[in-house]
Amino acid sequence: MIYNAIINADFKKVEKNTIYVTFKSYSSQHEFQEIQHEFLDILRKKVQNFYIAFEYEIIEDKETKYILSREDIFKNMVEKNPKLLDLKDDLGLII
């Protein structure tokens, strides 16, 4: 469980006693918070610093993947190459 919680996080030391943790989703943060105390105890003992604390931030992925219709795919292609619209009209294609 610890592995799953920390694999989806990015850790960055910002001060002597502060570790800044960024997550890609709220569910990842929630998983980490469930094991935070156990993880923090192990970390504090390993580095001999009992004042370490975490700060959190959620950075959601801006690129949402979704299914495009044929019309949307064609519109995107026409934006990149407007001559496709002429070709479609010349060939009498229906999209």
PDB file of N, CA and C in Angstrom:
ATOM      1  N   MET A   1       0.823  -1.191   0.000  1.00  0.00           N
ATOM      2  CA  MET A   1       0.000   0.000   0.000  1.00  0.00           C
ATOM      3  C   MET A   1       0.870   1.260   0.000  1.00  0.00           C
ATOM      4  N   ILE A   2       1.978   1.238   0.708  1.00  0.00           N
ATOM      5  CA  ILE A   2       2.855   2.406   0.743  1.00  0.00           C
ATOM      6  C   ILE A   2       3.381   2.701  -0.657  1.00  0.00           C
ATOM      7  N   TYR A   3       3.765   1.666  -1.377  1.00  0.00           N
ATOM      8  CA  TYR A   3       4.317   1.853  -2.718  1.00  0.00           C
ATOM      9  C   TYR A   3       3.328   2.572  -3.621  1.00  0.00           C
ATOM     10  N   ASN A   4       2.081   2.132  -3.638  1.00  0.00           N
ATOM     11  CA  ASN A   4       1.065   2.761  -4.487  1.00  0.00           C
ATOM     12  C   ASN A   4       0.846   4.222  -4.118  1.00  0.00           C
ATOM     13  N   ALA A   5       0.930   4.528  -2.857  1.00  0.00           N
ATOM     14  CA  ALA A   5       0.680   5.895  -2.417  1.00  0.00           C
ATOM     15  C   ALA A   5       1.822   6.835  -2.782  1.00  0.00           C
ATOM     16  N   ILE A   6       3.064   6.346  -2.737  1.00  0.00           N
ATOM     17  CA  ILE A   6       4.189   7.250  -3.013  1.00  0.00           C
ATOM     18  C   ILE A   6       4.625   7.242  -4.468  1.00  0.00           C
ATOM     19  N   ILE A   7       4.248   6.223  -5.230  1.00  0.00           N
ATOM     20  CA  ILE A   7       4.670   6.172  -6.639  1.00  0.00           C
ATOM     21  C   ILE A   7       3.996   7.274  -7.451  1.00  0.00           C
ATOM     22  N   ASN A   8       2.828   7.720  -7.041  1.00  0.00           N
ATOM     23  CA  ASN A   8       2.087   8.739  -7.780  1.00  0.00           C
ATOM     24  C   ASN A   8       2.343  10.147  -7.263  1.00  0.00           C
ATOM     25  N   ALA A   9       3.359  10.324  -6.432  1.00  0.00           N
ATOM     26  CA  ALA A   9       3.645  11.634  -5.856  1.00  0.00           C
ATOM     27  C   ALA A   9       5.044  12.090  -6.251  1.00  0.00           C
ATOM     28  N   ASP A  10       5.212  13.403  -6.286  1.00  0.00           N
ATOM     29  CA  ASP A  10       6.533  13.998  -6.508  1.00  0.00           C
ATOM     30  C   ASP A  10       6.944  14.696  -5.225  1.00  0.00           C
ATOM     31  N   PHE A  11       8.144  14.387  -4.748  1.00  0.00           N
ATOM     32  CA  PHE A  11       8.631  14.938  -3.500  1.00  0.00           C
ATOM     33  C   PHE A  11       9.743  15.945  -3.780  1.00  0.00           C
ATOM     34  N   LYS A  12       9.703  17.051  -3.043  1.00  0.00           N
ATOM     35  CA  LYS A  12      10.724  18.083  -3.196  1.00  0.00           C
ATOM     36  C   LYS A  12      10.979  18.711  -1.836  1.00  0.00           C
ATOM     37  N   LYS A  13      12.229  18.739  -1.431  1.00  0.00           N
ATOM     38  CA  LYS A  13      12.577  19.371  -0.160  1.00  0.00           C
ATOM     39  C   LYS A  13      12.644  20.877  -0.382  1.00  0.00           C
ATOM     40  N   VAL A  14      11.841  21.651   0.368  1.00  0.00           N
ATOM     41  CA  VAL A  14      11.809  23.096   0.175  1.00  0.00           C
ATOM     42  C   VAL A  14      12.492  23.848   1.313  1.00  0.00           C
ATOM     43  N   GLU A  15      12.524  23.260   2.466  1.00  0.00           N
ATOM     44  CA  GLU A  15      13.200  23.829   3.620  1.00  0.00           C
ATOM     45  C   GLU A  15      13.834  22.680   4.382  1.00  0.00           C
ATOM     46  N   LYS A  16      14.533  23.018   5.431  1.00  0.00           N
ATOM     47  CA  LYS A  16      15.223  21.988   6.213  1.00  0.00           C
ATOM     48  C   LYS A  16      14.265  20.914   6.727  1.00  0.00           C
ATOM     49  N   ASN A  17      13.085  21.344   7.143  1.00  0.00           N
ATOM     50  CA  ASN A  17      12.151  20.404   7.750  1.00  0.00           C
ATOM     51  C   ASN A  17      10.848  20.236   6.970  1.00  0.00           C
ATOM     52  N   THR A  18      10.804  20.735   5.748  1.00  0.00           N
ATOM     53  CA  THR A  18       9.559  20.683   4.974  1.00  0.00           C
ATOM     54  C   THR A  18       9.778  19.971   3.650  1.00  0.00           C
ATOM     55  N   ILE A  19       8.904  19.025   3.378  1.00  0.00           N
ATOM     56  CA  ILE A  19       8.913  18.316   2.097  1.00  0.00           C
ATOM     57  C   ILE A  19       7.608  18.649   1.390  1.00  0.00           C
ATOM     58  N   TYR A  20       7.758  19.169   0.177  1.00  0.00           N
ATOM     59  CA  TYR A  20       6.621  19.576  -0.635  1.00  0.00           C
ATOM     60  C   TYR A  20       6.230  18.389  -1.511  1.00  0.00           C
ATOM     61  N   VAL A  21       4.989  17.947  -1.399  1.00  0.00           N
ATOM     62  CA  VAL A  21       4.510  16.774  -2.124  1.00  0.00           C
ATOM     63  C   VAL A  21       3.419  17.201  -3.091  1.00  0.00           C
ATOM     64  N   THR A  22       3.600  16.864  -4.374  1.00  0.00           N
ATOM     65  CA  THR A  22       2.569  17.165  -5.367  1.00  0.00           C
ATOM     66  C   THR A  22       1.953  15.867  -5.868  1.00  0.00           C
ATOM     67  N   PHE A  23       0.661  15.917  -6.075  1.00  0.00           N
ATOM     68  CA  PHE A  23      -0.099  14.767  -6.546  1.00  0.00           C
ATOM     69  C   PHE A  23      -0.818  15.136  -7.818  1.00  0.00           C
ATOM     70  N   LYS A  24      -1.125  14.124  -8.634  1.00  0.00           N
ATOM     71  CA  LYS A  24      -1.846  14.356  -9.884  1.00  0.00           C
ATOM     72  C   LYS A  24      -3.353  14.252  -9.715  1.00  0.00           C
ATOM     73  N   SER A  25      -3.790  13.776  -8.553  1.00  0.00           N
ATOM     74  CA  SER A  25      -5.230  13.670  -8.322  1.00  0.00           C
ATOM     75  C   SER A  25      -5.514  13.664  -6.825  1.00  0.00           C
ATOM     76  N   TYR A  26      -6.761  13.945  -6.494  1.00  0.00           N
ATOM     77  CA  TYR A  26      -7.172  13.939  -5.096  1.00  0.00           C
ATOM     78  C   TYR A  26      -7.124  12.525  -4.522  1.00  0.00           C
ATOM     79  N   SER A  27      -7.402  11.535  -5.341  1.00  0.00           N
ATOM     80  CA  SER A  27      -7.374  10.158  -4.844  1.00  0.00           C
ATOM     81  C   SER A  27      -5.955   9.741  -4.475  1.00  0.00           C
ATOM     82  N   SER A  28      -4.950  10.204  -5.228  1.00  0.00           N
ATOM     83  CA  SER A  28      -3.567   9.910  -4.888  1.00  0.00           C
ATOM     84  C   SER A  28      -3.190  10.555  -3.560  1.00  0.00           C
ATOM     85  N   GLN A  29      -3.639  11.785  -3.362  1.00  0.00           N
ATOM     86  CA  GLN A  29      -3.365  12.463  -2.101  1.00  0.00           C
ATOM     87  C   GLN A  29      -4.029  11.724  -0.948  1.00  0.00           C
ATOM     88  N   HIS A  30      -5.249  11.295  -1.151  1.00  0.00           N
ATOM     89  CA  HIS A  30      -5.974  10.575  -0.109  1.00  0.00           C
ATOM     90  C   HIS A  30      -5.251   9.275   0.261  1.00  0.00           C
ATOM     91  N   GLU A  31      -4.796   8.526  -0.742  1.00  0.00           N
ATOM     92  CA  GLU A  31      -4.044   7.298  -0.473  1.00  0.00           C
ATOM     93  C   GLU A  31      -2.801   7.597   0.351  1.00  0.00           C
ATOM     94  N   PHE A  32      -2.097   8.661  -0.017  1.00  0.00           N
ATOM     95  CA  PHE A  32      -0.880   9.012   0.709  1.00  0.00           C
ATOM     96  C   PHE A  32      -1.199   9.423   2.146  1.00  0.00           C
ATOM     97  N   GLN A  33      -2.243  10.181   2.340  1.00  0.00           N
ATOM     98  CA  GLN A  33      -2.586  10.626   3.683  1.00  0.00           C
ATOM     99  C   GLN A  33      -2.964   9.467   4.591  1.00  0.00           C
ATOM    100  N   GLU A  34      -3.470   8.382   4.014  1.00  0.00           N
ATOM    101  CA  GLU A  34      -3.805   7.217   4.817  1.00  0.00           C
ATOM    102  C   GLU A  34      -2.567   6.553   5.414  1.00  0.00           C
ATOM    103  N   ILE A  35      -1.449   6.612   4.715  1.00  0.00           N
ATOM    104  CA  ILE A  35      -0.220   5.978   5.205  1.00  0.00           C
ATOM    105  C   ILE A  35       0.831   7.003   5.645  1.00  0.00           C
ATOM    106  N   GLN A  36       0.439   8.263   5.665  1.00  0.00           N
ATOM    107  CA  GLN A  36       1.374   9.348   5.950  1.00  0.00           C
ATOM    108  C   GLN A  36       2.101   9.154   7.281  1.00  0.00           C
ATOM    109  N   HIS A  37       1.393   8.812   8.328  1.00  0.00           N
ATOM    110  CA  HIS A  37       2.024   8.709   9.644  1.00  0.00           C
ATOM    111  C   HIS A  37       3.056   7.585   9.681  1.00  0.00           C
ATOM    112  N   GLU A  38       2.710   6.459   9.097  1.00  0.00           N
ATOM    113  CA  GLU A  38       3.652   5.345   9.043  1.00  0.00           C
ATOM    114  C   GLU A  38       4.880   5.717   8.209  1.00  0.00           C
ATOM    115  N   PHE A  39       4.655   6.313   7.059  1.00  0.00           N
ATOM    116  CA  PHE A  39       5.745   6.730   6.171  1.00  0.00           C
ATOM    117  C   PHE A  39       6.624   7.784   6.843  1.00  0.00           C
ATOM    118  N   LEU A  40       5.987   8.746   7.507  1.00  0.00           N
ATOM    119  CA  LEU A  40       6.723   9.818   8.167  1.00  0.00           C
ATOM    120  C   LEU A  40       7.561   9.287   9.326  1.00  0.00           C
ATOM    121  N   ASP A  41       7.048   8.334  10.082  1.00  0.00           N
ATOM    122  CA  ASP A  41       7.825   7.731  11.169  1.00  0.00           C
ATOM    123  C   ASP A  41       9.089   7.058  10.644  1.00  0.00           C
ATOM    124  N   ILE A  42       8.938   6.302   9.571  1.00  0.00           N
ATOM    125  CA  ILE A  42      10.096   5.616   8.981  1.00  0.00           C
ATOM    126  C   ILE A  42      11.102   6.631   8.458  1.00  0.00           C
ATOM    127  N   LEU A  43      10.616   7.641   7.757  1.00  0.00           N
ATOM    128  CA  LEU A  43      11.493   8.670   7.197  1.00  0.00           C
ATOM    129  C   LEU A  43      12.235   9.428   8.287  1.00  0.00           C
ATOM    130  N   ARG A  44      11.534   9.822   9.323  1.00  0.00           N
ATOM    131  CA  ARG A  44      12.168  10.566  10.416  1.00  0.00           C
ATOM    132  C   ARG A  44      13.277   9.760  11.080  1.00  0.00           C
ATOM    133  N   LYS A  45      13.058   8.484  11.263  1.00  0.00           N
ATOM    134  CA  LYS A  45      14.086   7.636  11.878  1.00  0.00           C
ATOM    135  C   LYS A  45      15.286   7.468  10.957  1.00  0.00           C
ATOM    136  N   LYS A  46      15.032   7.288   9.672  1.00  0.00           N
ATOM    137  CA  LYS A  46      16.129   7.077   8.713  1.00  0.00           C
ATOM    138  C   LYS A  46      17.029   8.301   8.588  1.00  0.00           C
ATOM    139  N   VAL A  47      16.448   9.492   8.559  1.00  0.00           N
ATOM    140  CA  VAL A  47      17.239  10.707   8.360  1.00  0.00           C
ATOM    141  C   VAL A  47      17.581  11.409   9.671  1.00  0.00           C
ATOM    142  N   GLN A  48      17.139  10.854  10.777  1.00  0.00           N
ATOM    143  CA  GLN A  48      17.402  11.424  12.104  1.00  0.00           C
ATOM    144  C   GLN A  48      16.943  12.884  12.207  1.00  0.00           C
ATOM    145  N   ASN A  49      15.767  13.150  11.661  1.00  0.00           N
ATOM    146  CA  ASN A  49      15.178  14.475  11.751  1.00  0.00           C
ATOM    147  C   ASN A  49      13.712  14.283  12.129  1.00  0.00           C
ATOM    148  N   PHE A  50      13.388  14.619  13.379  1.00  0.00           N
ATOM    149  CA  PHE A  50      12.042  14.369  13.878  1.00  0.00           C
ATOM    150  C   PHE A  50      11.116  15.577  13.735  1.00  0.00           C
ATOM    151  N   TYR A  51      11.544  16.555  12.947  1.00  0.00           N
ATOM    152  CA  TYR A  51      10.742  17.754  12.726  1.00  0.00           C
ATOM    153  C   TYR A  51      10.216  17.850  11.286  1.00  0.00           C
ATOM    154  N   ILE A  52      10.428  16.824  10.504  1.00  0.00           N
ATOM    155  CA  ILE A  52       9.987  16.829   9.110  1.00  0.00           C
ATOM    156  C   ILE A  52       8.470  16.888   9.036  1.00  0.00           C
ATOM    157  N   ALA A  53       7.979  17.694   8.090  1.00  0.00           N
ATOM    158  CA  ALA A  53       6.540  17.802   7.848  1.00  0.00           C
ATOM    159  C   ALA A  53       6.305  17.851   6.341  1.00  0.00           C
ATOM    160  N   PHE A  54       5.088  17.533   5.937  1.00  0.00           N
ATOM    161  CA  PHE A  54       4.715  17.549   4.532  1.00  0.00           C
ATOM    162  C   PHE A  54       3.788  18.722   4.239  1.00  0.00           C
ATOM    163  N   GLU A  55       3.930  19.286   3.041  1.00  0.00           N
ATOM    164  CA  GLU A  55       2.959  20.225   2.484  1.00  0.00           C
ATOM    165  C   GLU A  55       2.483  19.622   1.173  1.00  0.00           C
ATOM    166  N   TYR A  56       1.191  19.786   0.862  1.00  0.00           N
ATOM    167  CA  TYR A  56       0.594  19.126  -0.293  1.00  0.00           C
ATOM    168  C   TYR A  56       0.080  20.116  -1.321  1.00  0.00           C
ATOM    169  N   GLU A  57       0.063  19.634  -2.567  1.00  0.00           N
ATOM    170  CA  GLU A  57      -0.588  20.373  -3.653  1.00  0.00           C
ATOM    171  C   GLU A  57      -1.071  19.362  -4.684  1.00  0.00           C
ATOM    172  N   ILE A  58      -2.229  19.650  -5.261  1.00  0.00           N
ATOM    173  CA  ILE A  58      -2.783  18.817  -6.323  1.00  0.00           C
ATOM    174  C   ILE A  58      -2.533  19.536  -7.634  1.00  0.00           C
ATOM    175  N   ILE A  59      -1.878  18.874  -8.567  1.00  0.00           N
ATOM    176  CA  ILE A  59      -1.673  19.419  -9.907  1.00  0.00           C
ATOM    177  C   ILE A  59      -2.323  18.441 -10.865  1.00  0.00           C
ATOM    178  N   GLU A  60      -3.532  18.777 -11.284  1.00  0.00           N
ATOM    179  CA  GLU A  60      -4.271  17.879 -12.163  1.00  0.00           C
ATOM    180  C   GLU A  60      -3.746  17.986 -13.581  1.00  0.00           C
ATOM    181  N   ASP A  61      -3.770  16.875 -14.265  1.00  0.00           N
ATOM    182  CA  ASP A  61      -3.314  16.815 -15.649  1.00  0.00           C
ATOM    183  C   ASP A  61      -4.259  17.621 -16.517  1.00  0.00           C
ATOM    184  N   LYS A  62      -3.720  18.580 -17.247  1.00  0.00           N
ATOM    185  CA  LYS A  62      -4.543  19.460 -18.082  1.00  0.00           C
ATOM    186  C   LYS A  62      -5.060  18.762 -19.334  1.00  0.00           C
ATOM    187  N   GLU A  63      -4.357  17.763 -19.781  1.00  0.00           N
ATOM    188  CA  GLU A  63      -4.757  17.061 -20.998  1.00  0.00           C
ATOM    189  C   GLU A  63      -5.750  15.961 -20.660  1.00  0.00           C
ATOM    190  N   THR A  64      -7.002  16.248 -20.890  1.00  0.00           N
ATOM    191  CA  THR A  64      -8.033  15.254 -20.674  1.00  0.00           C
ATOM    192  C   THR A  64      -8.214  14.470 -21.961  1.00  0.00           C
ATOM    193  N   LYS A  65      -8.127  13.176 -21.842  1.00  0.00           N
ATOM    194  CA  LYS A  65      -8.283  12.333 -23.019  1.00  0.00           C
ATOM    195  C   LYS A  65      -9.754  11.983 -23.187  1.00  0.00           C
ATOM    196  N   TYR A  66     -10.238  12.171 -24.384  1.00  0.00           N
ATOM    197  CA  TYR A  66     -11.625  11.860 -24.670  1.00  0.00           C
ATOM    198  C   TYR A  66     -11.728  11.386 -26.117  1.00  0.00           C
ATOM    199  N   ILE A  67     -12.849  10.796 -26.426  1.00  0.00           N
ATOM    200  CA  ILE A  67     -13.071  10.261 -27.762  1.00  0.00           C
ATOM    201  C   ILE A  67     -13.621  11.367 -28.652  1.00  0.00           C
ATOM    202  N   LEU A  68     -12.996  11.535 -29.807  1.00  0.00           N
ATOM    203  CA  LEU A  68     -13.434  12.554 -30.762  1.00  0.00           C
ATOM    204  C   LEU A  68     -14.334  11.922 -31.820  1.00  0.00           C
ATOM    205  N   SER A  69     -15.296  12.700 -32.277  1.00  0.00           N
ATOM    206  CA  SER A  69     -16.137  12.246 -33.383  1.00  0.00           C
ATOM    207  C   SER A  69     -15.359  12.414 -34.687  1.00  0.00           C
ATOM    208  N   ARG A  70     -15.863  11.831 -35.767  1.00  0.00           N
ATOM    209  CA  ARG A  70     -15.210  11.977 -37.072  1.00  0.00           C
ATOM    210  C   ARG A  70     -15.139  13.440 -37.486  1.00  0.00           C
ATOM    211  N   GLU A  71     -16.222  14.175 -37.191  1.00  0.00           N
ATOM    212  CA  GLU A  71     -16.250  15.594 -37.538  1.00  0.00           C
ATOM    213  C   GLU A  71     -15.173  16.380 -36.784  1.00  0.00           C
ATOM    214  N   ASP A  72     -15.020  16.076 -35.493  1.00  0.00           N
ATOM    215  CA  ASP A  72     -14.008  16.768 -34.689  1.00  0.00           C
ATOM    216  C   ASP A  72     -12.594  16.431 -35.164  1.00  0.00           C
ATOM    217  N   ILE A  73     -12.373  15.173 -35.492  1.00  0.00           N
ATOM    218  CA  ILE A  73     -11.063  14.764 -36.003  1.00  0.00           C
ATOM    219  C   ILE A  73     -10.763  15.505 -37.299  1.00  0.00           C
ATOM    220  N   PHE A  74     -11.762  15.576 -38.182  1.00  0.00           N
ATOM    221  CA  PHE A  74     -11.561  16.263 -39.451  1.00  0.00           C
ATOM    222  C   PHE A  74     -11.317  17.763 -39.244  1.00  0.00           C
ATOM    223  N   LYS A  75     -12.054  18.381 -38.326  1.00  0.00           N
ATOM    224  CA  LYS A  75     -11.846  19.802 -38.038  1.00  0.00           C
ATOM    225  C   LYS A  75     -10.424  20.058 -37.546  1.00  0.00           C
ATOM    226  N   ASN A  76      -9.932  19.188 -36.686  1.00  0.00           N
ATOM    227  CA  ASN A  76      -8.556  19.324 -36.189  1.00  0.00           C
ATOM    228  C   ASN A  76      -7.549  19.180 -37.323  1.00  0.00           C
ATOM    229  N   MET A  77      -7.812  18.248 -38.212  1.00  0.00           N
ATOM    230  CA  MET A  77      -6.916  18.052 -39.347  1.00  0.00           C
ATOM    231  C   MET A  77      -6.947  19.249 -40.292  1.00  0.00           C
ATOM    232  N   VAL A  78      -8.141  19.824 -40.512  1.00  0.00           N
ATOM    233  CA  VAL A  78      -8.281  20.991 -41.388  1.00  0.00           C
ATOM    234  C   VAL A  78      -7.559  22.201 -40.790  1.00  0.00           C
ATOM    235  N   GLU A  79      -7.571  22.327 -39.479  1.00  0.00           N
ATOM    236  CA  GLU A  79      -6.834  23.425 -38.837  1.00  0.00           C
ATOM    237  C   GLU A  79      -5.339  23.331 -39.142  1.00  0.00           C
ATOM    238  N   LYS A  80      -4.841  22.111 -39.222  1.00  0.00           N
ATOM    239  CA  LYS A  80      -3.419  21.919 -39.514  1.00  0.00           C
ATOM    240  C   LYS A  80      -3.125  22.022 -41.010  1.00  0.00           C
ATOM    241  N   ASN A  81      -4.090  21.594 -41.831  1.00  0.00           N
ATOM    242  CA  ASN A  81      -3.894  21.620 -43.279  1.00  0.00           C
ATOM    243  C   ASN A  81      -5.223  21.978 -43.959  1.00  0.00           C
ATOM    244  N   PRO A  82      -5.457  23.271 -44.209  1.00  0.00           N
ATOM    245  CA  PRO A  82      -6.733  23.723 -44.779  1.00  0.00           C
ATOM    246  C   PRO A  82      -7.051  23.140 -46.155  1.00  0.00           C
ATOM    247  N   LYS A  83      -6.064  22.668 -46.890  1.00  0.00           N
ATOM    248  CA  LYS A  83      -6.313  22.101 -48.224  1.00  0.00           C
ATOM    249  C   LYS A  83      -7.121  20.808 -48.151  1.00  0.00           C
ATOM    250  N   LEU A  84      -7.187  20.193 -46.980  1.00  0.00           N
ATOM    251  CA  LEU A  84      -8.006  18.993 -46.832  1.00  0.00           C
ATOM    252  C   LEU A  84      -9.481  19.291 -47.079  1.00  0.00           C
ATOM    253  N   LEU A  85      -9.910  20.491 -46.732  1.00  0.00           N
ATOM    254  CA  LEU A  85     -11.303  20.882 -46.959  1.00  0.00           C
ATOM    255  C   LEU A  85     -11.607  20.944 -48.453  1.00  0.00           C
ATOM    256  N   ASP A  86     -10.669  21.486 -49.226  1.00  0.00           N
ATOM    257  CA  ASP A  86     -10.834  21.518 -50.686  1.00  0.00           C
ATOM    258  C   ASP A  86     -10.874  20.106 -51.248  1.00  0.00           C
ATOM    259  N   LEU A  87     -10.002  19.254 -50.756  1.00  0.00           N
ATOM    260  CA  LEU A  87      -9.946  17.860 -51.223  1.00  0.00           C
ATOM    261  C   LEU A  87     -11.260  17.140 -50.926  1.00  0.00           C
ATOM    262  N   LYS A  88     -11.783  17.377 -49.728  1.00  0.00           N
ATOM    263  CA  LYS A  88     -13.072  16.763 -49.340  1.00  0.00           C
ATOM    264  C   LYS A  88     -14.163  17.211 -50.307  1.00  0.00           C
ATOM    265  N   ASP A  89     -14.196  18.506 -50.598  1.00  0.00           N
ATOM    266  CA  ASP A  89     -15.217  19.035 -51.503  1.00  0.00           C
ATOM    267  C   ASP A  89     -15.043  18.508 -52.932  1.00  0.00           C
ATOM    268  N   ASP A  90     -13.793  18.454 -53.411  1.00  0.00           N
ATOM    269  CA  ASP A  90     -13.524  17.957 -54.762  1.00  0.00           C
ATOM    270  C   ASP A  90     -13.922  16.496 -54.929  1.00  0.00           C
ATOM    271  N   LEU A  91     -13.706  15.710 -53.904  1.00  0.00           N
ATOM    272  CA  LEU A  91     -14.031  14.281 -53.989  1.00  0.00           C
ATOM    273  C   LEU A  91     -15.486  13.991 -53.575  1.00  0.00           C
ATOM    274  N   GLY A  92     -16.185  15.007 -53.047  1.00  0.00           N
ATOM    275  CA  GLY A  92     -17.580  14.818 -52.656  1.00  0.00           C
ATOM    276  C   GLY A  92     -17.729  13.926 -51.441  1.00  0.00           C
ATOM    277  N   LEU A  93     -16.790  14.013 -50.531  1.00  0.00           N
ATOM    278  CA  LEU A  93     -16.830  13.175 -49.336  1.00  0.00           C
ATOM    279  C   LEU A  93     -17.775  13.745 -48.290  1.00  0.00           C
ATOM    280  N   ILE A  94     -18.409  12.855 -47.552  1.00  0.00           N
ATOM    281  CA  ILE A  94     -19.282  13.253 -46.455  1.00  0.00           C
ATOM    282  C   ILE A  94     -18.638  12.741 -45.164  1.00  0.00           C
ATOM    283  N   ILE A  95     -18.410  13.668 -44.283  1.00  0.00           N
ATOM    284  CA  ILE A  95     -17.741  13.277 -43.023  1.00  0.00           C
ATOM    285  C   ILE A  95     -18.672  13.507 -41.863  1.00  0.00           C
TER     286      ILE A  95
END
